Structure formats: C-alpha cells, structure tokens
C-alpha cells in the first residue's frame, strides 16, 4: 500500500526554515549545556 502524503509531512518548523537546521541547533545547544555542566563539575570538585 503506498504511503499517503499529508500536510503534516510538508510542514516547516517554526524557526530556521528546515528540520535539518533545527536538529543541528538542538544538538549544538545540548553540546553547550554538557560542556557547561562539565566545567561546573570541574570547578567545584
């Protein structure tokens, strides 16, 4: 059975125009948070 295309498949994210860019932004934010937690842990050992 062929997969039907819905309007939800074609929606763009609210920011950055493409889902790929949004995913990269989220990964970058997570990397920054992890780095900050690491530095915080090292500072208060």
PDB file of N, CA and C in Angstrom:
ATOM      1  N   UNK A   1       0.854  -1.175   0.000  1.00  0.00           N
ATOM      2  CA  UNK A   1       0.000   0.000   0.000  1.00  0.00           C
ATOM      3  C   UNK A   1       0.900   1.240   0.000  1.00  0.00           C
ATOM      4  N   UNK A   2       0.671   2.179  -0.904  1.00  0.00           N
ATOM      5  CA  UNK A   2       1.500   3.388  -0.944  1.00  0.00           C
ATOM      6  C   UNK A   2       1.228   4.292   0.245  1.00  0.00           C
ATOM      7  N   UNK A   3       2.266   4.943   0.667  1.00  0.00           N
ATOM      8  CA  UNK A   3       2.146   5.871   1.794  1.00  0.00           C
ATOM      9  C   UNK A   3       1.517   7.168   1.310  1.00  0.00           C
ATOM     10  N   UNK A   4       0.468   7.582   1.975  1.00  0.00           N
ATOM     11  CA  UNK A   4      -0.200   8.815   1.568  1.00  0.00           C
ATOM     12  C   UNK A   4       0.516  10.028   2.165  1.00  0.00           C
ATOM     13  N   UNK A   5       0.569  11.070   1.391  1.00  0.00           N
ATOM     14  CA  UNK A   5       1.216  12.300   1.824  1.00  0.00           C
ATOM     15  C   UNK A   5       0.188  13.192   2.503  1.00  0.00           C
ATOM     16  N   UNK A   6       0.536  13.664   3.672  1.00  0.00           N
ATOM     17  CA  UNK A   6      -0.369  14.562   4.388  1.00  0.00           C
ATOM     18  C   UNK A   6       0.262  15.934   4.498  1.00  0.00           C
ATOM     19  N   UNK A   7      -0.522  16.891   4.889  1.00  0.00           N
ATOM     20  CA  UNK A   7       0.019  18.237   5.046  1.00  0.00           C
ATOM     21  C   UNK A   7       1.022  18.307   6.193  1.00  0.00           C
ATOM     22  N   UNK A   8       0.904  17.400   7.170  1.00  0.00           N
ATOM     23  CA  UNK A   8       1.845  17.382   8.292  1.00  0.00           C
ATOM     24  C   UNK A   8       3.241  16.998   7.823  1.00  0.00           C
ATOM     25  N   UNK A   9       3.343  16.178   6.757  1.00  0.00           N
ATOM     26  CA  UNK A   9       4.647  15.790   6.232  1.00  0.00           C
ATOM     27  C   UNK A   9       5.386  16.968   5.617  1.00  0.00           C
ATOM     28  N   UNK A  10       4.654  17.953   5.140  1.00  0.00           N
ATOM     29  CA  UNK A  10       5.254  19.063   4.405  1.00  0.00           C
ATOM     30  C   UNK A  10       5.421  20.331   5.244  1.00  0.00           C
ATOM     31  N   UNK A  11       5.052  20.274   6.515  1.00  0.00           N
ATOM     32  CA  UNK A  11       5.148  21.465   7.361  1.00  0.00           C
ATOM     33  C   UNK A  11       6.596  21.781   7.677  1.00  0.00           C
ATOM     34  N   UNK A  12       6.903  23.064   7.701  1.00  0.00           N
ATOM     35  CA  UNK A  12       8.236  23.521   8.092  1.00  0.00           C
ATOM     36  C   UNK A  12       8.229  23.841   9.579  1.00  0.00           C
ATOM     37  N   UNK A  13       9.398  23.767  10.223  1.00  0.00           N
ATOM     38  CA  UNK A  13       9.466  24.135  11.633  1.00  0.00           C
ATOM     39  C   UNK A  13       9.238  25.635  11.795  1.00  0.00           C
ATOM     40  N   UNK A  14       8.868  26.067  12.999  1.00  0.00           N
ATOM     41  CA  UNK A  14       8.575  27.487  13.210  1.00  0.00           C
ATOM     42  C   UNK A  14       9.792  28.405  13.056  1.00  0.00           C
ATOM     43  N   UNK A  15      11.012  27.862  13.238  1.00  0.00           N
ATOM     44  CA  UNK A  15      12.226  28.670  13.070  1.00  0.00           C
ATOM     45  C   UNK A  15      13.213  27.923  12.193  1.00  0.00           C
ATOM     46  N   UNK A  16      14.130  28.613  11.596  1.00  0.00           N
ATOM     47  CA  UNK A  16      15.248  28.079  10.810  1.00  0.00           C
ATOM     48  C   UNK A  16      14.865  27.443   9.471  1.00  0.00           C
ATOM     49  N   UNK A  17      13.637  27.451   9.102  1.00  0.00           N
ATOM     50  CA  UNK A  17      13.135  27.062   7.776  1.00  0.00           C
ATOM     51  C   UNK A  17      13.213  25.582   7.415  1.00  0.00           C
ATOM     52  N   UNK A  18      14.171  24.810   7.957  1.00  0.00           N
ATOM     53  CA  UNK A  18      14.232  23.371   7.653  1.00  0.00           C
ATOM     54  C   UNK A  18      14.416  22.585   8.948  1.00  0.00           C
ATOM     55  N   UNK A  19      13.937  21.339   8.930  1.00  0.00           N
ATOM     56  CA  UNK A  19      14.078  20.489  10.107  1.00  0.00           C
ATOM     57  C   UNK A  19      15.543  20.160  10.356  1.00  0.00           C
ATOM     58  N   UNK A  20      16.325  20.013   9.302  1.00  0.00           N
ATOM     59  CA  UNK A  20      17.737  19.688   9.466  1.00  0.00           C
ATOM     60  C   UNK A  20      18.462  20.775  10.260  1.00  0.00           C
ATOM     61  N   UNK A  21      18.209  22.027   9.935  1.00  0.00           N
ATOM     62  CA  UNK A  21      18.842  23.128  10.677  1.00  0.00           C
ATOM     63  C   UNK A  21      18.371  23.161  12.122  1.00  0.00           C
ATOM     64  N   UNK A  22      17.104  22.869  12.361  1.00  0.00           N
ATOM     65  CA  UNK A  22      16.571  22.852  13.722  1.00  0.00           C
ATOM     66  C   UNK A  22      17.238  21.752  14.536  1.00  0.00           C
ATOM     67  N   UNK A  23      17.416  20.570  13.935  1.00  0.00           N
ATOM     68  CA  UNK A  23      18.086  19.470  14.640  1.00  0.00           C
ATOM     69  C   UNK A  23      19.527  19.833  14.984  1.00  0.00           C
ATOM     70  N   UNK A  24      20.235  20.489  14.052  1.00  0.00           N
ATOM     71  CA  UNK A  24      21.613  20.902  14.327  1.00  0.00           C
ATOM     72  C   UNK A  24      21.662  21.930  15.458  1.00  0.00           C
ATOM     73  N   UNK A  25      20.691  22.827  15.507  1.00  0.00           N
ATOM     74  CA  UNK A  25      20.632  23.811  16.593  1.00  0.00           C
ATOM     75  C   UNK A  25      20.433  23.111  17.931  1.00  0.00           C
ATOM     76  N   UNK A  26      19.543  22.147  17.976  1.00  0.00           N
ATOM     77  CA  UNK A  26      19.292  21.414  19.215  1.00  0.00           C
ATOM     78  C   UNK A  26      20.537  20.650  19.655  1.00  0.00           C
ATOM     79  N   UNK A  27      21.233  20.014  18.708  1.00  0.00           N
ATOM     80  CA  UNK A  27      22.476  19.311  19.053  1.00  0.00           C
ATOM     81  C   UNK A  27      23.534  20.280  19.577  1.00  0.00           C
ATOM     82  N   UNK A  28      23.643  21.444  18.980  1.00  0.00           N
ATOM     83  CA  UNK A  28      24.614  22.441  19.439  1.00  0.00           C
ATOM     84  C   UNK A  28      24.277  22.929  20.848  1.00  0.00           C
ATOM     85  N   UNK A  29      23.007  23.165  21.108  1.00  0.00           N
ATOM     86  CA  UNK A  29      22.593  23.607  22.449  1.00  0.00           C
ATOM     87  C   UNK A  29      22.913  22.532  23.480  1.00  0.00           C
ATOM     88  N   UNK A  30      22.656  21.266  23.145  1.00  0.00           N
ATOM     89  CA  UNK A  30      22.984  20.184  24.068  1.00  0.00           C
ATOM     90  C   UNK A  30      24.482  20.103  24.329  1.00  0.00           C
ATOM     91  N   UNK A  31      25.284  20.296  23.287  1.00  0.00           N
ATOM     92  CA  UNK A  31      26.739  20.272  23.468  1.00  0.00           C
ATOM     93  C   UNK A  31      27.193  21.388  24.396  1.00  0.00           C
ATOM     94  N   UNK A  32      26.615  22.566  24.254  1.00  0.00           N
ATOM     95  CA  UNK A  32      26.962  23.693  25.131  1.00  0.00           C
ATOM     96  C   UNK A  32      26.562  23.395  26.570  1.00  0.00           C
ATOM     97  N   UNK A  33      25.377  22.856  26.769  1.00  0.00           N
ATOM     98  CA  UNK A  33      24.919  22.531  28.133  1.00  0.00           C
ATOM     99  C   UNK A  33      25.818  21.477  28.767  1.00  0.00           C
ATOM    100  N   UNK A  34      26.165  20.438  28.015  1.00  0.00           N
ATOM    101  CA  UNK A  34      27.041  19.394  28.552  1.00  0.00           C
ATOM    102  C   UNK A  34      28.403  19.968  28.912  1.00  0.00           C
ATOM    103  N   UNK A  35      28.945  20.830  28.065  1.00  0.00           N
ATOM    104  CA  UNK A  35      30.226  21.467  28.352  1.00  0.00           C
ATOM    105  C   UNK A  35      30.145  22.330  29.604  1.00  0.00           C
ATOM    106  N   UNK A  36      29.070  23.090  29.740  1.00  0.00           N
ATOM    107  CA  UNK A  36      28.912  23.925  30.940  1.00  0.00           C
ATOM    108  C   UNK A  36      28.795  23.083  32.200  1.00  0.00           C
ATOM    109  N   UNK A  37      28.074  21.957  32.146  1.00  0.00           N
ATOM    110  CA  UNK A  37      27.985  21.062  33.307  1.00  0.00           C
ATOM    111  C   UNK A  37      29.349  20.467  33.644  1.00  0.00           C
ATOM    112  N   UNK A  38      30.114  20.114  32.625  1.00  0.00           N
ATOM    113  CA  UNK A  38      31.453  19.581  32.855  1.00  0.00           C
ATOM    114  C   UNK A  38      32.336  20.625  33.540  1.00  0.00           C
ATOM    115  N   UNK A  39      32.332  21.837  33.024  1.00  0.00           N
ATOM    116  CA  UNK A  39      33.146  22.902  33.618  1.00  0.00           C
ATOM    117  C   UNK A  39      32.699  23.217  35.047  1.00  0.00           C
ATOM    118  N   UNK A  40      31.416  23.230  35.278  1.00  0.00           N
ATOM    119  CA  UNK A  40      30.873  23.466  36.616  1.00  0.00           C
ATOM    120  C   UNK A  40      31.349  22.369  37.565  1.00  0.00           C
ATOM    121  N   UNK A  41      31.303  21.117  37.111  1.00  0.00           N
ATOM    122  CA  UNK A  41      31.744  20.000  37.953  1.00  0.00           C
ATOM    123  C   UNK A  41      33.234  20.103  38.258  1.00  0.00           C
ATOM    124  N   UNK A  42      34.043  20.425  37.258  1.00  0.00           N
ATOM    125  CA  UNK A  42      35.475  20.544  37.467  1.00  0.00           C
ATOM    126  C   UNK A  42      35.814  21.695  38.399  1.00  0.00           C
ATOM    127  N   UNK A  43      35.085  22.776  38.311  1.00  0.00           N
ATOM    128  CA  UNK A  43      35.347  23.948  39.140  1.00  0.00           C
ATOM    129  C   UNK A  43      35.038  23.673  40.607  1.00  0.00           C
ATOM    130  N   UNK A  44      33.962  22.939  40.883  1.00  0.00           N
ATOM    131  CA  UNK A  44      33.531  22.701  42.270  1.00  0.00           C
ATOM    132  C   UNK A  44      33.896  21.324  42.812  1.00  0.00           C
ATOM    133  N   UNK A  45      34.899  20.663  42.241  1.00  0.00           N
ATOM    134  CA  UNK A  45      35.355  19.366  42.763  1.00  0.00           C
ATOM    135  C   UNK A  45      35.924  19.524  44.145  1.00  0.00           C
TER     136      UNK A  45
END
